[in-house]
Amino acid sequence: MTTLSIDIETYSGTSLKDAGVYKYVEDPDFEILLFAYSFDGKDVCVLDLANKQSENWIEIYKALISPDVLKTAHNANFEITCISKYFGI
């Protein structure tokens, strides 16, 4: 099974610490700035979503929705909530 490791950097006008993740992602200013990923522990790649540099996004999107890819992240609940909101997955 392929493993996709994920780390994201985000921005929101709502304080994550004060409001929690769900209110954080519902803020109209919420966005994912950087999307770092690695397949099977290989080199880390970074998509700069803030500057619309996301040429590999189709490959990542397919991996995110595939039941055959194990997705991992340090704070998985935060990442999946943000990714789901941002990309409508």
PDB file of N, CA and C in Angstrom:
ATOM      1  N   MET A   1       0.846  -1.178   0.000  1.00  0.00           N
ATOM      2  CA  MET A   1       0.000   0.000   0.000  1.00  0.00           C
ATOM      3  C   MET A   1       0.892   1.242   0.000  1.00  0.00           C
ATOM      4  N   THR A   2       0.549   2.198  -0.821  1.00  0.00           N
ATOM      5  CA  THR A   2       1.255   3.473  -0.882  1.00  0.00           C
ATOM      6  C   THR A   2       0.900   4.311   0.340  1.00  0.00           C
ATOM      7  N   THR A   3       1.897   5.012   0.880  1.00  0.00           N
ATOM      8  CA  THR A   3       1.670   5.914   2.004  1.00  0.00           C
ATOM      9  C   THR A   3       1.920   7.351   1.557  1.00  0.00           C
ATOM     10  N   LEU A   4       0.964   8.214   1.841  1.00  0.00           N
ATOM     11  CA  LEU A   4       1.078   9.639   1.556  1.00  0.00           C
ATOM     12  C   LEU A   4       1.202  10.380   2.881  1.00  0.00           C
ATOM     13  N   SER A   5       2.350  11.002   3.107  1.00  0.00           N
ATOM     14  CA  SER A   5       2.566  11.808   4.313  1.00  0.00           C
ATOM     15  C   SER A   5       2.279  13.257   3.979  1.00  0.00           C
ATOM     16  N   ILE A   6       1.542  13.938   4.861  1.00  0.00           N
ATOM     17  CA  ILE A   6       1.046  15.278   4.587  1.00  0.00           C
ATOM     18  C   ILE A   6       1.386  16.233   5.725  1.00  0.00           C
ATOM     19  N   ASP A   7       1.737  17.466   5.357  1.00  0.00           N
ATOM     20  CA  ASP A   7       1.845  18.558   6.316  1.00  0.00           C
ATOM     21  C   ASP A   7       1.380  19.820   5.606  1.00  0.00           C
ATOM     22  N   ILE A   8       0.545  20.599   6.254  1.00  0.00           N
ATOM     23  CA  ILE A   8       0.046  21.817   5.621  1.00  0.00           C
ATOM     24  C   ILE A   8       0.305  23.024   6.506  1.00  0.00           C
ATOM     25  N   GLU A   9       0.400  24.169   5.868  1.00  0.00           N
ATOM     26  CA  GLU A   9       0.464  25.456   6.552  1.00  0.00           C
ATOM     27  C   GLU A   9      -0.772  26.226   6.122  1.00  0.00           C
ATOM     28  N   THR A  10      -1.466  26.809   7.076  1.00  0.00           N
ATOM     29  CA  THR A  10      -2.749  27.440   6.795  1.00  0.00           C
ATOM     30  C   THR A  10      -2.816  28.854   7.350  1.00  0.00           C
ATOM     31  N   TYR A  11      -3.866  29.551   6.936  1.00  0.00           N
ATOM     32  CA  TYR A  11      -4.181  30.866   7.485  1.00  0.00           C
ATOM     33  C   TYR A  11      -5.690  30.961   7.677  1.00  0.00           C
ATOM     34  N   SER A  12      -6.083  31.636   8.742  1.00  0.00           N
ATOM     35  CA  SER A  12      -7.485  31.938   8.981  1.00  0.00           C
ATOM     36  C   SER A  12      -7.548  33.193   9.835  1.00  0.00           C
ATOM     37  N   GLY A  13      -8.565  33.979   9.640  1.00  0.00           N
ATOM     38  CA  GLY A  13      -8.781  35.147  10.474  1.00  0.00           C
ATOM     39  C   GLY A  13      -9.289  34.793  11.859  1.00  0.00           C
ATOM     40  N   THR A  14      -9.666  33.529  12.049  1.00  0.00           N
ATOM     41  CA  THR A  14     -10.155  33.038  13.338  1.00  0.00           C
ATOM     42  C   THR A  14      -9.021  32.326  14.059  1.00  0.00           C
ATOM     43  N   SER A  15      -8.905  32.550  15.346  1.00  0.00           N
ATOM     44  CA  SER A  15      -7.870  31.909  16.154  1.00  0.00           C
ATOM     45  C   SER A  15      -8.177  30.432  16.333  1.00  0.00           C
ATOM     46  N   LEU A  16      -7.273  29.589  15.900  1.00  0.00           N
ATOM     47  CA  LEU A  16      -7.427  28.142  16.066  1.00  0.00           C
ATOM     48  C   LEU A  16      -7.485  27.785  17.553  1.00  0.00           C
ATOM     49  N   LYS A  17      -6.626  28.380  18.326  1.00  0.00           N
ATOM     50  CA  LYS A  17      -6.556  28.090  19.761  1.00  0.00           C
ATOM     51  C   LYS A  17      -7.854  28.474  20.473  1.00  0.00           C
ATOM     52  N   ASP A  18      -8.420  29.616  20.110  1.00  0.00           N
ATOM     53  CA  ASP A  18      -9.621  30.092  20.793  1.00  0.00           C
ATOM     54  C   ASP A  18     -10.913  29.452  20.277  1.00  0.00           C
ATOM     55  N   ALA A  19     -10.980  29.184  18.982  1.00  0.00           N
ATOM     56  CA  ALA A  19     -12.248  28.756  18.379  1.00  0.00           C
ATOM     57  C   ALA A  19     -12.328  27.271  18.036  1.00  0.00           C
ATOM     58  N   GLY A  20     -11.193  26.624  17.855  1.00  0.00           N
ATOM     59  CA  GLY A  20     -11.195  25.224  17.437  1.00  0.00           C
ATOM     60  C   GLY A  20     -11.136  25.097  15.922  1.00  0.00           C
ATOM     61  N   VAL A  21     -10.859  23.889  15.471  1.00  0.00           N
ATOM     62  CA  VAL A  21     -10.595  23.653  14.055  1.00  0.00           C
ATOM     63  C   VAL A  21     -11.812  23.898  13.162  1.00  0.00           C
ATOM     64  N   TYR A  22     -12.995  23.549  13.613  1.00  0.00           N
ATOM     65  CA  TYR A  22     -14.163  23.672  12.735  1.00  0.00           C
ATOM     66  C   TYR A  22     -14.516  25.131  12.464  1.00  0.00           C
ATOM     67  N   LYS A  23     -14.485  25.965  13.478  1.00  0.00           N
ATOM     68  CA  LYS A  23     -14.731  27.397  13.267  1.00  0.00           C
ATOM     69  C   LYS A  23     -13.576  28.036  12.503  1.00  0.00           C
ATOM     70  N   TYR A  24     -12.364  27.546  12.744  1.00  0.00           N
ATOM     71  CA  TYR A  24     -11.170  28.028  12.042  1.00  0.00           C
ATOM     72  C   TYR A  24     -11.324  27.875  10.532  1.00  0.00           C
ATOM     73  N   VAL A  25     -11.761  26.696  10.086  1.00  0.00           N
ATOM     74  CA  VAL A  25     -11.886  26.458   8.642  1.00  0.00           C
ATOM     75  C   VAL A  25     -13.127  27.115   8.041  1.00  0.00           C
ATOM     76  N   GLU A  26     -14.112  27.454   8.858  1.00  0.00           N
ATOM     77  CA  GLU A  26     -15.313  28.118   8.347  1.00  0.00           C
ATOM     78  C   GLU A  26     -15.106  29.614   8.125  1.00  0.00           C
ATOM     79  N   ASP A  27     -14.029  30.174   8.651  1.00  0.00           N
ATOM     80  CA  ASP A  27     -13.738  31.592   8.447  1.00  0.00           C
ATOM     81  C   ASP A  27     -13.579  31.863   6.950  1.00  0.00           C
ATOM     82  N   PRO A  28     -14.170  32.940   6.428  1.00  0.00           N
ATOM     83  CA  PRO A  28     -14.067  33.248   4.995  1.00  0.00           C
ATOM     84  C   PRO A  28     -12.629  33.473   4.517  1.00  0.00           C
ATOM     85  N   ASP A  29     -11.726  33.817   5.441  1.00  0.00           N
ATOM     86  CA  ASP A  29     -10.323  34.039   5.071  1.00  0.00           C
ATOM     87  C   ASP A  29      -9.488  32.768   5.102  1.00  0.00           C
ATOM     88  N   PHE A  30     -10.073  31.638   5.527  1.00  0.00           N
ATOM     89  CA  PHE A  30      -9.313  30.396   5.625  1.00  0.00           C
ATOM     90  C   PHE A  30      -8.731  29.999   4.278  1.00  0.00           C
ATOM     91  N   GLU A  31      -7.465  29.588   4.313  1.00  0.00           N
ATOM     92  CA  GLU A  31      -6.843  29.029   3.119  1.00  0.00           C
ATOM     93  C   GLU A  31      -5.666  28.145   3.500  1.00  0.00           C
ATOM     94  N   ILE A  32      -5.351  27.224   2.627  1.00  0.00           N
ATOM     95  CA  ILE A  32      -4.137  26.432   2.774  1.00  0.00           C
ATOM     96  C   ILE A  32      -3.069  27.164   1.970  1.00  0.00           C
ATOM     97  N   LEU A  33      -1.983  27.513   2.638  1.00  0.00           N
ATOM     98  CA  LEU A  33      -0.902  28.246   1.983  1.00  0.00           C
ATOM     99  C   LEU A  33       0.094  27.301   1.326  1.00  0.00           C
ATOM    100  N   LEU A  34       0.541  26.316   2.076  1.00  0.00           N
ATOM    101  CA  LEU A  34       1.524  25.343   1.589  1.00  0.00           C
ATOM    102  C   LEU A  34       1.027  23.934   1.882  1.00  0.00           C
ATOM    103  N   PHE A  35       1.239  23.047   0.936  1.00  0.00           N
ATOM    104  CA  PHE A  35       0.850  21.645   1.077  1.00  0.00           C
ATOM    105  C   PHE A  35       2.096  20.811   0.814  1.00  0.00           C
ATOM    106  N   ALA A  36       2.708  20.301   1.879  1.00  0.00           N
ATOM    107  CA  ALA A  36       3.901  19.459   1.756  1.00  0.00           C
ATOM    108  C   ALA A  36       3.483  18.000   1.787  1.00  0.00           C
ATOM    109  N   TYR A  37       4.122  17.191   0.964  1.00  0.00           N
ATOM    110  CA  TYR A  37       3.760  15.776   0.907  1.00  0.00           C
ATOM    111  C   TYR A  37       4.943  14.926   0.485  1.00  0.00           C
ATOM    112  N   SER A  38       4.837  13.662   0.807  1.00  0.00           N
ATOM    113  CA  SER A  38       5.834  12.680   0.410  1.00  0.00           C
ATOM    114  C   SER A  38       5.127  11.352   0.200  1.00  0.00           C
ATOM    115  N   PHE A  39       5.492  10.679  -0.867  1.00  0.00           N
ATOM    116  CA  PHE A  39       4.977   9.334  -1.115  1.00  0.00           C
ATOM    117  C   PHE A  39       6.022   8.323  -0.658  1.00  0.00           C
ATOM    118  N   ASP A  40       5.616   7.427   0.215  1.00  0.00           N
ATOM    119  CA  ASP A  40       6.456   6.317   0.669  1.00  0.00           C
ATOM    120  C   ASP A  40       7.815   6.759   1.206  1.00  0.00           C
ATOM    121  N   GLY A  41       7.858   7.895   1.897  1.00  0.00           N
ATOM    122  CA  GLY A  41       9.090   8.358   2.522  1.00  0.00           C
ATOM    123  C   GLY A  41      10.130   8.918   1.574  1.00  0.00           C
ATOM    124  N   LYS A  42       9.749   9.137   0.340  1.00  0.00           N
ATOM    125  CA  LYS A  42      10.694   9.711  -0.632  1.00  0.00           C
ATOM    126  C   LYS A  42      10.787  11.222  -0.425  1.00  0.00           C
ATOM    127  N   ASP A  43      11.452  11.908  -1.317  1.00  0.00           N
ATOM    128  CA  ASP A  43      11.651  13.352  -1.187  1.00  0.00           C
ATOM    129  C   ASP A  43      10.335  14.087  -0.940  1.00  0.00           C
ATOM    130  N   VAL A  44      10.416  15.108  -0.100  1.00  0.00           N
ATOM    131  CA  VAL A  44       9.258  15.941   0.202  1.00  0.00           C
ATOM    132  C   VAL A  44       9.084  16.977  -0.904  1.00  0.00           C
ATOM    133  N   CYS A  45       7.851  17.128  -1.359  1.00  0.00           N
ATOM    134  CA  CYS A  45       7.502  18.140  -2.349  1.00  0.00           C
ATOM    135  C   CYS A  45       6.544  19.120  -1.693  1.00  0.00           C
ATOM    136  N   VAL A  46       6.569  20.362  -2.151  1.00  0.00           N
ATOM    137  CA  VAL A  46       5.701  21.378  -1.569  1.00  0.00           C
ATOM    138  C   VAL A  46       4.933  22.083  -2.677  1.00  0.00           C
ATOM    139  N   LEU A  47       3.615  22.123  -2.525  1.00  0.00           N
ATOM    140  CA  LEU A  47       2.766  22.897  -3.431  1.00  0.00           C
ATOM    141  C   LEU A  47       2.505  24.244  -2.768  1.00  0.00           C
ATOM    142  N   ASP A  48       2.789  25.314  -3.474  1.00  0.00           N
ATOM    143  CA  ASP A  48       2.562  26.671  -2.971  1.00  0.00           C
ATOM    144  C   ASP A  48       1.173  27.103  -3.423  1.00  0.00           C
ATOM    145  N   LEU A  49       0.167  26.753  -2.646  1.00  0.00           N
ATOM    146  CA  LEU A  49      -1.210  27.051  -3.021  1.00  0.00           C
ATOM    147  C   LEU A  49      -1.534  28.533  -2.890  1.00  0.00           C
ATOM    148  N   ALA A  50      -0.822  29.240  -2.022  1.00  0.00           N
ATOM    149  CA  ALA A  50      -1.050  30.678  -1.857  1.00  0.00           C
ATOM    150  C   ALA A  50      -0.725  31.425  -3.143  1.00  0.00           C
ATOM    151  N   ASN A  51       0.260  30.922  -3.880  1.00  0.00           N
ATOM    152  CA  ASN A  51       0.656  31.554  -5.143  1.00  0.00           C
ATOM    153  C   ASN A  51       0.213  30.756  -6.356  1.00  0.00           C
ATOM    154  N   LYS A  52      -0.761  29.871  -6.128  1.00  0.00           N
ATOM    155  CA  LYS A  52      -1.385  29.080  -7.205  1.00  0.00           C
ATOM    156  C   LYS A  52      -0.379  28.213  -7.959  1.00  0.00           C
ATOM    157  N   GLN A  53       0.694  27.788  -7.270  1.00  0.00           N
ATOM    158  CA  GLN A  53       1.664  26.886  -7.876  1.00  0.00           C
ATOM    159  C   GLN A  53       1.355  25.473  -7.422  1.00  0.00           C
ATOM    160  N   SER A  54       0.468  24.833  -8.133  1.00  0.00           N
ATOM    161  CA  SER A  54       0.002  23.508  -7.717  1.00  0.00           C
ATOM    162  C   SER A  54      -0.046  22.549  -8.898  1.00  0.00           C
ATOM    163  N   GLU A  55       1.034  22.503  -9.648  1.00  0.00           N
ATOM    164  CA  GLU A  55       1.058  21.697 -10.864  1.00  0.00           C
ATOM    165  C   GLU A  55       0.888  20.197 -10.622  1.00  0.00           C
ATOM    166  N   ASN A  56       1.188  19.707  -9.432  1.00  0.00           N
ATOM    167  CA  ASN A  56       1.041  18.281  -9.135  1.00  0.00           C
ATOM    168  C   ASN A  56      -0.251  17.970  -8.390  1.00  0.00           C
ATOM    169  N   TRP A  57      -1.167  18.908  -8.343  1.00  0.00           N
ATOM    170  CA  TRP A  57      -2.346  18.726  -7.516  1.00  0.00           C
ATOM    171  C   TRP A  57      -3.213  17.542  -7.942  1.00  0.00           C
ATOM    172  N   ILE A  58      -3.311  17.249  -9.218  1.00  0.00           N
ATOM    173  CA  ILE A  58      -4.156  16.138  -9.672  1.00  0.00           C
ATOM    174  C   ILE A  58      -3.665  14.819  -9.079  1.00  0.00           C
ATOM    175  N   GLU A  59      -2.365  14.605  -9.065  1.00  0.00           N
ATOM    176  CA  GLU A  59      -1.789  13.392  -8.476  1.00  0.00           C
ATOM    177  C   GLU A  59      -2.123  13.318  -6.979  1.00  0.00           C
ATOM    178  N   ILE A  60      -2.008  14.426  -6.288  1.00  0.00           N
ATOM    179  CA  ILE A  60      -2.296  14.468  -4.856  1.00  0.00           C
ATOM    180  C   ILE A  60      -3.793  14.244  -4.608  1.00  0.00           C
ATOM    181  N   TYR A  61      -4.627  14.897  -5.383  1.00  0.00           N
ATOM    182  CA  TYR A  61      -6.079  14.741  -5.233  1.00  0.00           C
ATOM    183  C   TYR A  61      -6.484  13.277  -5.398  1.00  0.00           C
ATOM    184  N   LYS A  62      -5.958  12.627  -6.411  1.00  0.00           N
ATOM    185  CA  LYS A  62      -6.273  11.215  -6.630  1.00  0.00           C
ATOM    186  C   LYS A  62      -5.839  10.361  -5.442  1.00  0.00           C
ATOM    187  N   ALA A  63      -4.677  10.669  -4.876  1.00  0.00           N
ATOM    188  CA  ALA A  63      -4.191   9.925  -3.710  1.00  0.00           C
ATOM    189  C   ALA A  63      -5.074  10.191  -2.494  1.00  0.00           C
ATOM    190  N   LEU A  64      -5.524  11.433  -2.328  1.00  0.00           N
ATOM    191  CA  LEU A  64      -6.359  11.779  -1.183  1.00  0.00           C
ATOM    192  C   LEU A  64      -7.698  11.047  -1.190  1.00  0.00           C
ATOM    193  N   ILE A  65      -8.267  10.832  -2.349  1.00  0.00           N
ATOM    194  CA  ILE A  65      -9.566  10.175  -2.421  1.00  0.00           C
ATOM    195  C   ILE A  65      -9.473   8.662  -2.614  1.00  0.00           C
ATOM    196  N   SER A  66      -8.269   8.153  -2.822  1.00  0.00           N
ATOM    197  CA  SER A  66      -8.101   6.721  -3.060  1.00  0.00           C
ATOM    198  C   SER A  66      -8.128   5.924  -1.758  1.00  0.00           C
ATOM    199  N   PRO A  67      -8.949   4.881  -1.700  1.00  0.00           N
ATOM    200  CA  PRO A  67      -8.944   4.018  -0.516  1.00  0.00           C
ATOM    201  C   PRO A  67      -7.693   3.136  -0.451  1.00  0.00           C
ATOM    202  N   ASP A  68      -6.924   3.098  -1.525  1.00  0.00           N
ATOM    203  CA  ASP A  68      -5.727   2.273  -1.583  1.00  0.00           C
ATOM    204  C   ASP A  68      -4.463   3.020  -1.152  1.00  0.00           C
ATOM    205  N   VAL A  69      -4.607   4.273  -0.715  1.00  0.00           N
ATOM    206  CA  VAL A  69      -3.475   5.068  -0.248  1.00  0.00           C
ATOM    207  C   VAL A  69      -3.681   5.386   1.228  1.00  0.00           C
ATOM    208  N   LEU A  70      -2.701   5.026   2.043  1.00  0.00           N
ATOM    209  CA  LEU A  70      -2.731   5.340   3.466  1.00  0.00           C
ATOM    210  C   LEU A  70      -2.251   6.775   3.639  1.00  0.00           C
ATOM    211  N   LYS A  71      -3.095   7.623   4.235  1.00  0.00           N
ATOM    212  CA  LYS A  71      -2.749   9.021   4.459  1.00  0.00           C
ATOM    213  C   LYS A  71      -2.294   9.186   5.906  1.00  0.00           C
ATOM    214  N   THR A  72      -1.149   9.882   6.102  1.00  0.00           N
ATOM    215  CA  THR A  72      -0.638  10.120   7.442  1.00  0.00           C
ATOM    216  C   THR A  72      -0.306  11.601   7.605  1.00  0.00           C
ATOM    217  N   ALA A  73      -0.425  12.066   8.849  1.00  0.00           N
ATOM    218  CA  ALA A  73      -0.085  13.446   9.183  1.00  0.00           C
ATOM    219  C   ALA A  73       0.133  13.515  10.684  1.00  0.00           C
ATOM    220  N   HIS A  74       0.942  14.461  11.125  1.00  0.00           N
ATOM    221  CA  HIS A  74       1.227  14.613  12.545  1.00  0.00           C
ATOM    222  C   HIS A  74      -0.049  14.904  13.331  1.00  0.00           C
ATOM    223  N   ASN A  75      -0.865  15.793  12.823  1.00  0.00           N
ATOM    224  CA  ASN A  75      -2.140  16.129  13.460  1.00  0.00           C
ATOM    225  C   ASN A  75      -3.239  15.839  12.439  1.00  0.00           C
ATOM    226  N   ALA A  76      -3.527  14.579  12.254  1.00  0.00           N
ATOM    227  CA  ALA A  76      -4.391  14.133  11.165  1.00  0.00           C
ATOM    228  C   ALA A  76      -5.781  14.767  11.181  1.00  0.00           C
ATOM    229  N   ASN A  77      -6.374  14.967  12.345  1.00  0.00           N
ATOM    230  CA  ASN A  77      -7.703  15.576  12.391  1.00  0.00           C
ATOM    231  C   ASN A  77      -7.669  16.990  11.819  1.00  0.00           C
ATOM    232  N   PHE A  78      -6.655  17.757  12.161  1.00  0.00           N
ATOM    233  CA  PHE A  78      -6.525  19.111  11.636  1.00  0.00           C
ATOM    234  C   PHE A  78      -6.354  19.080  10.114  1.00  0.00           C
ATOM    235  N   GLU A  79      -5.416  18.259   9.640  1.00  0.00           N
ATOM    236  CA  GLU A  79      -5.157  18.200   8.197  1.00  0.00           C
ATOM    237  C   GLU A  79      -6.388  17.762   7.409  1.00  0.00           C
ATOM    238  N   ILE A  80      -7.053  16.713   7.839  1.00  0.00           N
ATOM    239  CA  ILE A  80      -8.203  16.229   7.071  1.00  0.00           C
ATOM    240  C   ILE A  80      -9.348  17.224   7.109  1.00  0.00           C
ATOM    241  N   THR A  81      -9.542  17.907   8.219  1.00  0.00           N
ATOM    242  CA  THR A  81     -10.602  18.913   8.296  1.00  0.00           C
ATOM    243  C   THR A  81     -10.299  20.076   7.359  1.00  0.00           C
ATOM    244  N   CYS A  82      -9.059  20.533   7.366  1.00  0.00           N
ATOM    245  CA  CYS A  82      -8.661  21.641   6.482  1.00  0.00           C
ATOM    246  C   CYS A  82      -8.730  21.248   5.012  1.00  0.00           C
ATOM    247  N   ILE A  83      -8.200  20.096   4.678  1.00  0.00           N
ATOM    248  CA  ILE A  83      -8.177  19.629   3.291  1.00  0.00           C
ATOM    249  C   ILE A  83      -9.613  19.407   2.786  1.00  0.00           C
ATOM    250  N   SER A  84     -10.441  18.802   3.625  1.00  0.00           N
ATOM    251  CA  SER A  84     -11.830  18.570   3.228  1.00  0.00           C
ATOM    252  C   SER A  84     -12.549  19.869   2.936  1.00  0.00           C
ATOM    253  N   LYS A  85     -12.367  20.869   3.786  1.00  0.00           N
ATOM    254  CA  LYS A  85     -13.015  22.159   3.587  1.00  0.00           C
ATOM    255  C   LYS A  85     -12.465  22.878   2.353  1.00  0.00           C
ATOM    256  N   TYR A  86     -11.153  22.940   2.253  1.00  0.00           N
ATOM    257  CA  TYR A  86     -10.506  23.710   1.192  1.00  0.00           C
ATOM    258  C   TYR A  86     -10.804  23.157  -0.199  1.00  0.00           C
ATOM    259  N   PHE A  87     -10.771  21.836  -0.320  1.00  0.00           N
ATOM    260  CA  PHE A  87     -10.936  21.212  -1.633  1.00  0.00           C
ATOM    261  C   PHE A  87     -12.281  20.538  -1.831  1.00  0.00           C
ATOM    262  N   GLY A  88     -13.155  20.614  -0.850  1.00  0.00           N
ATOM    263  CA  GLY A  88     -14.481  20.043  -0.989  1.00  0.00           C
ATOM    264  C   GLY A  88     -14.479  18.533  -1.119  1.00  0.00           C
ATOM    265  N   ILE A  89     -13.555  17.888  -0.447  1.00  0.00           N
ATOM    266  CA  ILE A  89     -13.450  16.418  -0.520  1.00  0.00           C
ATOM    267  C   ILE A  89     -14.338  15.808   0.546  1.00  0.00           C
TER     268      ILE A  89
END
